[in-house]
Amino acid sequence: MIQTPKDSLISLNHSSENDINNNAQTHVIKNLLYEIIRVKELIKYYEDIPDQAGQLGASILTELVAEAYKSLVDYDMVLMKKYYDLLQNCD
């Protein structure tokens, strides 16, 4: 039998012993990924503002997205929830 490493993104498609907990985690992961993608599009908008007027906003959002992605890679549920809430309020 071949064993594969448990990865947060791979585990989205596999069931676990605790389905309720897994569903909650999967929900947070999917929502955070959605927010990361949405804010990355927002960053492009800020970068396109003439005379670099949106550069500060783009830099702040870029750092926030990087930290949110790191929380996914580290599979830190507490930070994932935190960054989901923060990204959700980015306009």
PDB file of N, CA and C in Angstrom:
ATOM      1  N   MET A   1       0.836  -1.181   0.000  1.00  0.00           N
ATOM      2  CA  MET A   1       0.000   0.000   0.000  1.00  0.00           C
ATOM      3  C   MET A   1       0.881   1.245   0.000  1.00  0.00           C
ATOM      4  N   ILE A   2       0.591   2.168  -0.899  1.00  0.00           N
ATOM      5  CA  ILE A   2       1.352   3.406  -1.009  1.00  0.00           C
ATOM      6  C   ILE A   2       0.738   4.445  -0.093  1.00  0.00           C
ATOM      7  N   GLN A   3       1.579   5.066   0.720  1.00  0.00           N
ATOM      8  CA  GLN A   3       1.106   6.110   1.624  1.00  0.00           C
ATOM      9  C   GLN A   3       1.495   7.461   1.054  1.00  0.00           C
ATOM     10  N   THR A   4       0.568   8.372   1.113  1.00  0.00           N
ATOM     11  CA  THR A   4       0.847   9.727   0.645  1.00  0.00           C
ATOM     12  C   THR A   4       0.869  10.659   1.840  1.00  0.00           C
ATOM     13  N   PRO A   5       1.666  11.715   1.777  1.00  0.00           N
ATOM     14  CA  PRO A   5       1.702  12.659   2.898  1.00  0.00           C
ATOM     15  C   PRO A   5       0.381  13.384   3.041  1.00  0.00           C
ATOM     16  N   LYS A   6       0.019  13.692   4.270  1.00  0.00           N
ATOM     17  CA  LYS A   6      -1.211  14.450   4.508  1.00  0.00           C
ATOM     18  C   LYS A   6      -0.913  15.921   4.264  1.00  0.00           C
ATOM     19  N   ASP A   7      -1.582  16.473   3.316  1.00  0.00           N
ATOM     20  CA  ASP A   7      -1.415  17.866   2.941  1.00  0.00           C
ATOM     21  C   ASP A   7      -2.775  18.529   3.034  1.00  0.00           C
ATOM     22  N   SER A   8      -2.814  19.776   3.472  1.00  0.00           N
ATOM     23  CA  SER A   8      -4.094  20.448   3.674  1.00  0.00           C
ATOM     24  C   SER A   8      -4.908  20.545   2.396  1.00  0.00           C
ATOM     25  N   LEU A   9      -4.264  20.757   1.261  1.00  0.00           N
ATOM     26  CA  LEU A   9      -5.008  20.881   0.016  1.00  0.00           C
ATOM     27  C   LEU A   9      -5.415  19.518  -0.528  1.00  0.00           C
ATOM     28  N   ILE A  10      -4.588  18.510  -0.316  1.00  0.00           N
ATOM     29  CA  ILE A  10      -4.933  17.155  -0.748  1.00  0.00           C
ATOM     30  C   ILE A  10      -6.089  16.628   0.074  1.00  0.00           C
ATOM     31  N   SER A  11      -6.112  16.926   1.339  1.00  0.00           N
ATOM     32  CA  SER A  11      -7.140  16.387   2.222  1.00  0.00           C
ATOM     33  C   SER A  11      -8.528  16.932   1.921  1.00  0.00           C
ATOM     34  N   LEU A  12      -8.632  17.941   1.076  1.00  0.00           N
ATOM     35  CA  LEU A  12      -9.950  18.472   0.705  1.00  0.00           C
ATOM     36  C   LEU A  12     -10.802  17.402   0.035  1.00  0.00           C
ATOM     37  N   ASN A  13     -10.163  16.486  -0.666  1.00  0.00           N
ATOM     38  CA  ASN A  13     -10.896  15.496  -1.429  1.00  0.00           C
ATOM     39  C   ASN A  13     -10.970  14.140  -0.744  1.00  0.00           C
ATOM     40  N   HIS A  14     -10.481  14.009   0.462  1.00  0.00           N
ATOM     41  CA  HIS A  14     -10.480  12.737   1.171  1.00  0.00           C
ATOM     42  C   HIS A  14     -11.270  12.868   2.461  1.00  0.00           C
ATOM     43  N   SER A  15     -12.016  11.822   2.788  1.00  0.00           N
ATOM     44  CA  SER A  15     -12.766  11.849   4.041  1.00  0.00           C
ATOM     45  C   SER A  15     -11.852  11.458   5.186  1.00  0.00           C
ATOM     46  N   SER A  16     -12.273  11.803   6.396  1.00  0.00           N
ATOM     47  CA  SER A  16     -11.490  11.468   7.575  1.00  0.00           C
ATOM     48  C   SER A  16     -12.395  10.805   8.595  1.00  0.00           C
ATOM     49  N   GLU A  17     -11.811  10.422   9.704  1.00  0.00           N
ATOM     50  CA  GLU A  17     -12.575   9.768  10.760  1.00  0.00           C
ATOM     51  C   GLU A  17     -13.593  10.716  11.372  1.00  0.00           C
ATOM     52  N   ASN A  18     -13.269  11.973  11.447  1.00  0.00           N
ATOM     53  CA  ASN A  18     -14.158  12.950  12.058  1.00  0.00           C
ATOM     54  C   ASN A  18     -14.707  13.865  10.960  1.00  0.00           C
ATOM     55  N   ASP A  19     -15.809  13.442  10.319  1.00  0.00           N
ATOM     56  CA  ASP A  19     -16.344  14.166   9.178  1.00  0.00           C
ATOM     57  C   ASP A  19     -16.822  15.570   9.528  1.00  0.00           C
ATOM     58  N   ILE A  20     -17.379  15.765  10.702  1.00  0.00           N
ATOM     59  CA  ILE A  20     -17.872  17.090  11.078  1.00  0.00           C
ATOM     60  C   ILE A  20     -16.704  18.068  11.162  1.00  0.00           C
ATOM     61  N   ASN A  21     -15.637  17.667  11.842  1.00  0.00           N
ATOM     62  CA  ASN A  21     -14.456  18.513  11.960  1.00  0.00           C
ATOM     63  C   ASN A  21     -13.833  18.735  10.594  1.00  0.00           C
ATOM     64  N   ASN A  22     -13.763  17.673   9.797  1.00  0.00           N
ATOM     65  CA  ASN A  22     -13.179  17.774   8.463  1.00  0.00           C
ATOM     66  C   ASN A  22     -13.996  18.725   7.590  1.00  0.00           C
ATOM     67  N   ASN A  23     -15.328  18.654   7.686  1.00  0.00           N
ATOM     68  CA  ASN A  23     -16.173  19.547   6.901  1.00  0.00           C
ATOM     69  C   ASN A  23     -15.961  21.003   7.300  1.00  0.00           C
ATOM     70  N   ALA A  24     -15.826  21.270   8.574  1.00  0.00           N
ATOM     71  CA  ALA A  24     -15.587  22.641   9.035  1.00  0.00           C
ATOM     72  C   ALA A  24     -14.234  23.141   8.533  1.00  0.00           C
ATOM     73  N   GLN A  25     -13.221  22.288   8.612  1.00  0.00           N
ATOM     74  CA  GLN A  25     -11.895  22.668   8.137  1.00  0.00           C
ATOM     75  C   GLN A  25     -11.904  22.888   6.626  1.00  0.00           C
ATOM     76  N   THR A  26     -12.568  21.994   5.908  1.00  0.00           N
ATOM     77  CA  THR A  26     -12.664  22.125   4.463  1.00  0.00           C
ATOM     78  C   THR A  26     -13.366  23.419   4.090  1.00  0.00           C
ATOM     79  N   HIS A  27     -14.401  23.761   4.825  1.00  0.00           N
ATOM     80  CA  HIS A  27     -15.149  25.000   4.588  1.00  0.00           C
ATOM     81  C   HIS A  27     -14.237  26.215   4.767  1.00  0.00           C
ATOM     82  N   VAL A  28     -13.468  26.240   5.832  1.00  0.00           N
ATOM     83  CA  VAL A  28     -12.554  27.363   6.092  1.00  0.00           C
ATOM     84  C   VAL A  28     -11.495  27.447   4.998  1.00  0.00           C
ATOM     85  N   ILE A  29     -10.936  26.311   4.619  1.00  0.00           N
ATOM     86  CA  ILE A  29      -9.891  26.290   3.589  1.00  0.00           C
ATOM     87  C   ILE A  29     -10.425  26.800   2.256  1.00  0.00           C
ATOM     88  N   LYS A  30     -11.574  26.282   1.838  1.00  0.00           N
ATOM     89  CA  LYS A  30     -12.151  26.714   0.560  1.00  0.00           C
ATOM     90  C   LYS A  30     -12.487  28.199   0.579  1.00  0.00           C
ATOM     91  N   ASN A  31     -13.069  28.669   1.672  1.00  0.00           N
ATOM     92  CA  ASN A  31     -13.415  30.085   1.763  1.00  0.00           C
ATOM     93  C   ASN A  31     -12.177  30.965   1.772  1.00  0.00           C
ATOM     94  N   LEU A  32     -11.132  30.539   2.472  1.00  0.00           N
ATOM     95  CA  LEU A  32      -9.901  31.320   2.502  1.00  0.00           C
ATOM     96  C   LEU A  32      -9.273  31.374   1.112  1.00  0.00           C
ATOM     97  N   LEU A  33      -9.265  30.251   0.406  1.00  0.00           N
ATOM     98  CA  LEU A  33      -8.729  30.242  -0.959  1.00  0.00           C
ATOM     99  C   LEU A  33      -9.513  31.195  -1.861  1.00  0.00           C
ATOM    100  N   TYR A  34     -10.820  31.192  -1.722  1.00  0.00           N
ATOM    101  CA  TYR A  34     -11.652  32.111  -2.493  1.00  0.00           C
ATOM    102  C   TYR A  34     -11.287  33.566  -2.187  1.00  0.00           C
ATOM    103  N   GLU A  35     -11.143  33.884  -0.907  1.00  0.00           N
ATOM    104  CA  GLU A  35     -10.813  35.258  -0.520  1.00  0.00           C
ATOM    105  C   GLU A  35      -9.422  35.656  -1.005  1.00  0.00           C
ATOM    106  N   ILE A  36      -8.471  34.732  -0.970  1.00  0.00           N
ATOM    107  CA  ILE A  36      -7.126  35.021  -1.479  1.00  0.00           C
ATOM    108  C   ILE A  36      -7.200  35.386  -2.955  1.00  0.00           C
ATOM    109  N   ILE A  37      -7.939  34.605  -3.720  1.00  0.00           N
ATOM    110  CA  ILE A  37      -8.078  34.876  -5.152  1.00  0.00           C
ATOM    111  C   ILE A  37      -8.765  36.218  -5.380  1.00  0.00           C
ATOM    112  N   ARG A  38      -9.823  36.487  -4.614  1.00  0.00           N
ATOM    113  CA  ARG A  38     -10.558  37.745  -4.759  1.00  0.00           C
ATOM    114  C   ARG A  38      -9.670  38.949  -4.455  1.00  0.00           C
ATOM    115  N   VAL A  39      -8.891  38.868  -3.385  1.00  0.00           N
ATOM    116  CA  VAL A  39      -8.043  39.994  -2.989  1.00  0.00           C
ATOM    117  C   VAL A  39      -6.873  40.153  -3.962  1.00  0.00           C
ATOM    118  N   LYS A  40      -6.386  39.059  -4.545  1.00  0.00           N
ATOM    119  CA  LYS A  40      -5.328  39.186  -5.556  1.00  0.00           C
ATOM    120  C   LYS A  40      -5.832  39.989  -6.761  1.00  0.00           C
ATOM    121  N   GLU A  41      -7.093  39.812  -7.113  1.00  0.00           N
ATOM    122  CA  GLU A  41      -7.684  40.621  -8.181  1.00  0.00           C
ATOM    123  C   GLU A  41      -7.788  42.082  -7.750  1.00  0.00           C
ATOM    124  N   LEU A  42      -8.109  42.297  -6.500  1.00  0.00           N
ATOM    125  CA  LEU A  42      -8.192  43.645  -5.957  1.00  0.00           C
ATOM    126  C   LEU A  42      -6.825  44.332  -5.972  1.00  0.00           C
ATOM    127  N   ILE A  43      -5.781  43.570  -5.713  1.00  0.00           N
ATOM    128  CA  ILE A  43      -4.410  44.093  -5.745  1.00  0.00           C
ATOM    129  C   ILE A  43      -4.099  44.623  -7.145  1.00  0.00           C
ATOM    130  N   LYS A  44      -4.494  43.872  -8.171  1.00  0.00           N
ATOM    131  CA  LYS A  44      -4.271  44.324  -9.548  1.00  0.00           C
ATOM    132  C   LYS A  44      -4.952  45.666  -9.798  1.00  0.00           C
ATOM    133  N   TYR A  45      -6.160  45.808  -9.243  1.00  0.00           N
ATOM    134  CA  TYR A  45      -6.888  47.074  -9.379  1.00  0.00           C
ATOM    135  C   TYR A  45      -6.102  48.217  -8.736  1.00  0.00           C
ATOM    136  N   TYR A  46      -5.608  47.996  -7.520  1.00  0.00           N
ATOM    137  CA  TYR A  46      -4.837  49.042  -6.832  1.00  0.00           C
ATOM    138  C   TYR A  46      -3.545  49.375  -7.573  1.00  0.00           C
ATOM    139  N   GLU A  47      -2.901  48.362  -8.129  1.00  0.00           N
ATOM    140  CA  GLU A  47      -1.650  48.596  -8.859  1.00  0.00           C
ATOM    141  C   GLU A  47      -1.873  49.382 -10.142  1.00  0.00           C
ATOM    142  N   ASP A  48      -3.081  49.313 -10.698  1.00  0.00           N
ATOM    143  CA  ASP A  48      -3.383  50.018 -11.939  1.00  0.00           C
ATOM    144  C   ASP A  48      -3.814  51.473 -11.745  1.00  0.00           C
ATOM    145  N   ILE A  49      -3.924  51.913 -10.508  1.00  0.00           N
ATOM    146  CA  ILE A  49      -4.290  53.306 -10.257  1.00  0.00           C
ATOM    147  C   ILE A  49      -3.118  54.194 -10.703  1.00  0.00           C
ATOM    148  N   PRO A  50      -3.402  55.225 -11.486  1.00  0.00           N
ATOM    149  CA  PRO A  50      -2.332  56.088 -12.024  1.00  0.00           C
ATOM    150  C   PRO A  50      -1.485  56.759 -10.934  1.00  0.00           C
ATOM    151  N   ASP A  51      -0.284  57.081 -11.309  1.00  0.00           N
ATOM    152  CA  ASP A  51       0.672  57.801 -10.463  1.00  0.00           C
ATOM    153  C   ASP A  51       0.990  57.068  -9.159  1.00  0.00           C
ATOM    154  N   GLN A  52       0.889  55.760  -9.175  1.00  0.00           N
ATOM    155  CA  GLN A  52       1.190  54.902  -8.018  1.00  0.00           C
ATOM    156  C   GLN A  52       0.382  55.273  -6.781  1.00  0.00           C
ATOM    157  N   ALA A  53      -0.800  55.822  -6.987  1.00  0.00           N
ATOM    158  CA  ALA A  53      -1.642  56.235  -5.868  1.00  0.00           C
ATOM    159  C   ALA A  53      -2.149  55.039  -5.060  1.00  0.00           C
ATOM    160  N   GLY A  54      -2.216  53.884  -5.672  1.00  0.00           N
ATOM    161  CA  GLY A  54      -2.695  52.699  -4.959  1.00  0.00           C
ATOM    162  C   GLY A  54      -1.597  51.777  -4.498  1.00  0.00           C
ATOM    163  N   GLN A  55      -0.345  52.224  -4.604  1.00  0.00           N
ATOM    164  CA  GLN A  55       0.791  51.360  -4.274  1.00  0.00           C
ATOM    165  C   GLN A  55       0.803  50.923  -2.809  1.00  0.00           C
ATOM    166  N   LEU A  56       0.475  51.824  -1.904  1.00  0.00           N
ATOM    167  CA  LEU A  56       0.461  51.472  -0.482  1.00  0.00           C
ATOM    168  C   LEU A  56      -0.600  50.403  -0.214  1.00  0.00           C
ATOM    169  N   GLY A  57      -1.792  50.613  -0.747  1.00  0.00           N
ATOM    170  CA  GLY A  57      -2.862  49.624  -0.577  1.00  0.00           C
ATOM    171  C   GLY A  57      -2.485  48.285  -1.168  1.00  0.00           C
ATOM    172  N   ALA A  58      -1.880  48.299  -2.355  1.00  0.00           N
ATOM    173  CA  ALA A  58      -1.453  47.063  -3.002  1.00  0.00           C
ATOM    174  C   ALA A  58      -0.399  46.339  -2.159  1.00  0.00           C
ATOM    175  N   SER A  59       0.520  47.089  -1.579  1.00  0.00           N
ATOM    176  CA  SER A  59       1.572  46.484  -0.748  1.00  0.00           C
ATOM    177  C   SER A  59       0.995  45.839   0.506  1.00  0.00           C
ATOM    178  N   ILE A  60       0.068  46.524   1.142  1.00  0.00           N
ATOM    179  CA  ILE A  60      -0.555  45.992   2.358  1.00  0.00           C
ATOM    180  C   ILE A  60      -1.336  44.727   2.035  1.00  0.00           C
ATOM    181  N   LEU A  61      -2.108  44.767   0.960  1.00  0.00           N
ATOM    182  CA  LEU A  61      -2.900  43.595   0.587  1.00  0.00           C
ATOM    183  C   LEU A  61      -2.023  42.435   0.150  1.00  0.00           C
ATOM    184  N   THR A  62      -0.919  42.727  -0.524  1.00  0.00           N
ATOM    185  CA  THR A  62       0.015  41.680  -0.937  1.00  0.00           C
ATOM    186  C   THR A  62       0.588  40.963   0.282  1.00  0.00           C
ATOM    187  N   GLU A  63       0.955  41.720   1.292  1.00  0.00           N
ATOM    188  CA  GLU A  63       1.488  41.124   2.530  1.00  0.00           C
ATOM    189  C   GLU A  63       0.415  40.296   3.223  1.00  0.00           C
ATOM    190  N   LEU A  64      -0.799  40.788   3.260  1.00  0.00           N
ATOM    191  CA  LEU A  64      -1.908  40.063   3.889  1.00  0.00           C
ATOM    192  C   LEU A  64      -2.176  38.748   3.163  1.00  0.00           C
ATOM    193  N   VAL A  65      -2.158  38.769   1.841  1.00  0.00           N
ATOM    194  CA  VAL A  65      -2.366  37.550   1.056  1.00  0.00           C
ATOM    195  C   VAL A  65      -1.235  36.555   1.302  1.00  0.00           C
ATOM    196  N   ALA A  66      -0.011  37.046   1.380  1.00  0.00           N
ATOM    197  CA  ALA A  66       1.136  36.166   1.629  1.00  0.00           C
ATOM    198  C   ALA A  66       1.009  35.473   2.985  1.00  0.00           C
ATOM    199  N   GLU A  67       0.600  36.211   3.997  1.00  0.00           N
ATOM    200  CA  GLU A  67       0.425  35.625   5.331  1.00  0.00           C
ATOM    201  C   GLU A  67      -0.743  34.642   5.357  1.00  0.00           C
ATOM    202  N   ALA A  68      -1.805  34.965   4.641  1.00  0.00           N
ATOM    203  CA  ALA A  68      -2.955  34.057   4.570  1.00  0.00           C
ATOM    204  C   ALA A  68      -2.550  32.755   3.887  1.00  0.00           C
ATOM    205  N   TYR A  69      -1.799  32.861   2.812  1.00  0.00           N
ATOM    206  CA  TYR A  69      -1.335  31.665   2.110  1.00  0.00           C
ATOM    207  C   TYR A  69      -0.415  30.835   3.005  1.00  0.00           C
ATOM    208  N   LYS A  70       0.430  31.502   3.762  1.00  0.00           N
ATOM    209  CA  LYS A  70       1.333  30.793   4.686  1.00  0.00           C
ATOM    210  C   LYS A  70       0.521  30.026   5.730  1.00  0.00           C
ATOM    211  N   SER A  71      -0.576  30.591   6.196  1.00  0.00           N
ATOM    212  CA  SER A  71      -1.411  29.885   7.170  1.00  0.00           C
ATOM    213  C   SER A  71      -2.002  28.622   6.558  1.00  0.00           C
ATOM    214  N   LEU A  72      -2.293  28.659   5.254  1.00  0.00           N
ATOM    215  CA  LEU A  72      -2.763  27.459   4.559  1.00  0.00           C
ATOM    216  C   LEU A  72      -1.670  26.408   4.474  1.00  0.00           C
ATOM    217  N   VAL A  73      -0.489  26.846   4.084  1.00  0.00           N
ATOM    218  CA  VAL A  73       0.640  25.915   3.951  1.00  0.00           C
ATOM    219  C   VAL A  73       0.975  25.276   5.295  1.00  0.00           C
ATOM    220  N   ASP A  74       0.921  26.069   6.358  1.00  0.00           N
ATOM    221  CA  ASP A  74       1.217  25.565   7.703  1.00  0.00           C
ATOM    222  C   ASP A  74       0.040  24.812   8.315  1.00  0.00           C
ATOM    223  N   TYR A  75      -1.112  24.861   7.660  1.00  0.00           N
ATOM    224  CA  TYR A  75      -2.345  24.217   8.125  1.00  0.00           C
ATOM    225  C   TYR A  75      -2.695  24.660   9.540  1.00  0.00           C
ATOM    226  N   ASP A  76      -2.609  25.967   9.763  1.00  0.00           N
ATOM    227  CA  ASP A  76      -2.915  26.568  11.061  1.00  0.00           C
ATOM    228  C   ASP A  76      -4.345  27.096  11.018  1.00  0.00           C
ATOM    229  N   MET A  77      -5.280  26.319  11.573  1.00  0.00           N
ATOM    230  CA  MET A  77      -6.700  26.655  11.488  1.00  0.00           C
ATOM    231  C   MET A  77      -7.028  27.990  12.147  1.00  0.00           C
ATOM    232  N   VAL A  78      -6.366  28.303  13.241  1.00  0.00           N
ATOM    233  CA  VAL A  78      -6.628  29.572  13.940  1.00  0.00           C
ATOM    234  C   VAL A  78      -6.248  30.750  13.043  1.00  0.00           C
ATOM    235  N   LEU A  79      -5.070  30.679  12.445  1.00  0.00           N
ATOM    236  CA  LEU A  79      -4.641  31.760  11.554  1.00  0.00           C
ATOM    237  C   LEU A  79      -5.471  31.793  10.278  1.00  0.00           C
ATOM    238  N   MET A  80      -5.870  30.624   9.774  1.00  0.00           N
ATOM    239  CA  MET A  80      -6.708  30.599   8.576  1.00  0.00           C
ATOM    240  C   MET A  80      -8.008  31.357   8.816  1.00  0.00           C
ATOM    241  N   LYS A  81      -8.624  31.115   9.967  1.00  0.00           N
ATOM    242  CA  LYS A  81      -9.865  31.814  10.299  1.00  0.00           C
ATOM    243  C   LYS A  81      -9.619  33.307  10.446  1.00  0.00           C
ATOM    244  N   LYS A  82      -8.500  33.671  11.071  1.00  0.00           N
ATOM    245  CA  LYS A  82      -8.159  35.079  11.252  1.00  0.00           C
ATOM    246  C   LYS A  82      -7.986  35.780   9.906  1.00  0.00           C
ATOM    247  N   TYR A  83      -7.197  35.166   9.017  1.00  0.00           N
ATOM    248  CA  TYR A  83      -6.949  35.788   7.723  1.00  0.00           C
ATOM    249  C   TYR A  83      -8.177  35.770   6.833  1.00  0.00           C
ATOM    250  N   TYR A  84      -9.027  34.761   6.986  1.00  0.00           N
ATOM    251  CA  TYR A  84     -10.288  34.757   6.246  1.00  0.00           C
ATOM    252  C   TYR A  84     -11.111  35.982   6.638  1.00  0.00           C
ATOM    253  N   ASP A  85     -11.224  36.231   7.929  1.00  0.00           N
ATOM    254  CA  ASP A  85     -11.987  37.396   8.407  1.00  0.00           C
ATOM    255  C   ASP A  85     -11.370  38.701   7.903  1.00  0.00           C
ATOM    256  N   LEU A  86     -10.051  38.788   7.947  1.00  0.00           N
ATOM    257  CA  LEU A  86      -9.377  40.007   7.490  1.00  0.00           C
ATOM    258  C   LEU A  86      -9.562  40.217   5.987  1.00  0.00           C
ATOM    259  N   LEU A  87      -9.359  39.160   5.199  1.00  0.00           N
ATOM    260  CA  LEU A  87      -9.488  39.287   3.758  1.00  0.00           C
ATOM    261  C   LEU A  87     -10.925  39.591   3.333  1.00  0.00           C
ATOM    262  N   GLN A  88     -11.857  39.051   4.079  1.00  0.00           N
ATOM    263  CA  GLN A  88     -13.261  39.256   3.759  1.00  0.00           C
ATOM    264  C   GLN A  88     -13.640  40.741   3.811  1.00  0.00           C
ATOM    265  N   ASN A  89     -12.935  41.498   4.635  1.00  0.00           N
ATOM    266  CA  ASN A  89     -13.241  42.919   4.810  1.00  0.00           C
ATOM    267  C   ASN A  89     -12.411  43.835   3.907  1.00  0.00           C
ATOM    268  N   CYS A  90     -11.639  43.252   2.996  1.00  0.00           N
ATOM    269  CA  CYS A  90     -10.827  44.055   2.072  1.00  0.00           C
ATOM    270  C   CYS A  90     -11.663  44.488   0.882  1.00  0.00           C
ATOM    271  N   ASP A  91     -11.650  45.774   0.633  1.00  0.00           N
ATOM    272  CA  ASP A  91     -12.377  46.314  -0.524  1.00  0.00           C
ATOM    273  C   ASP A  91     -11.487  47.223  -1.322  1.00  0.00           C
TER     274      ASP A  91
END
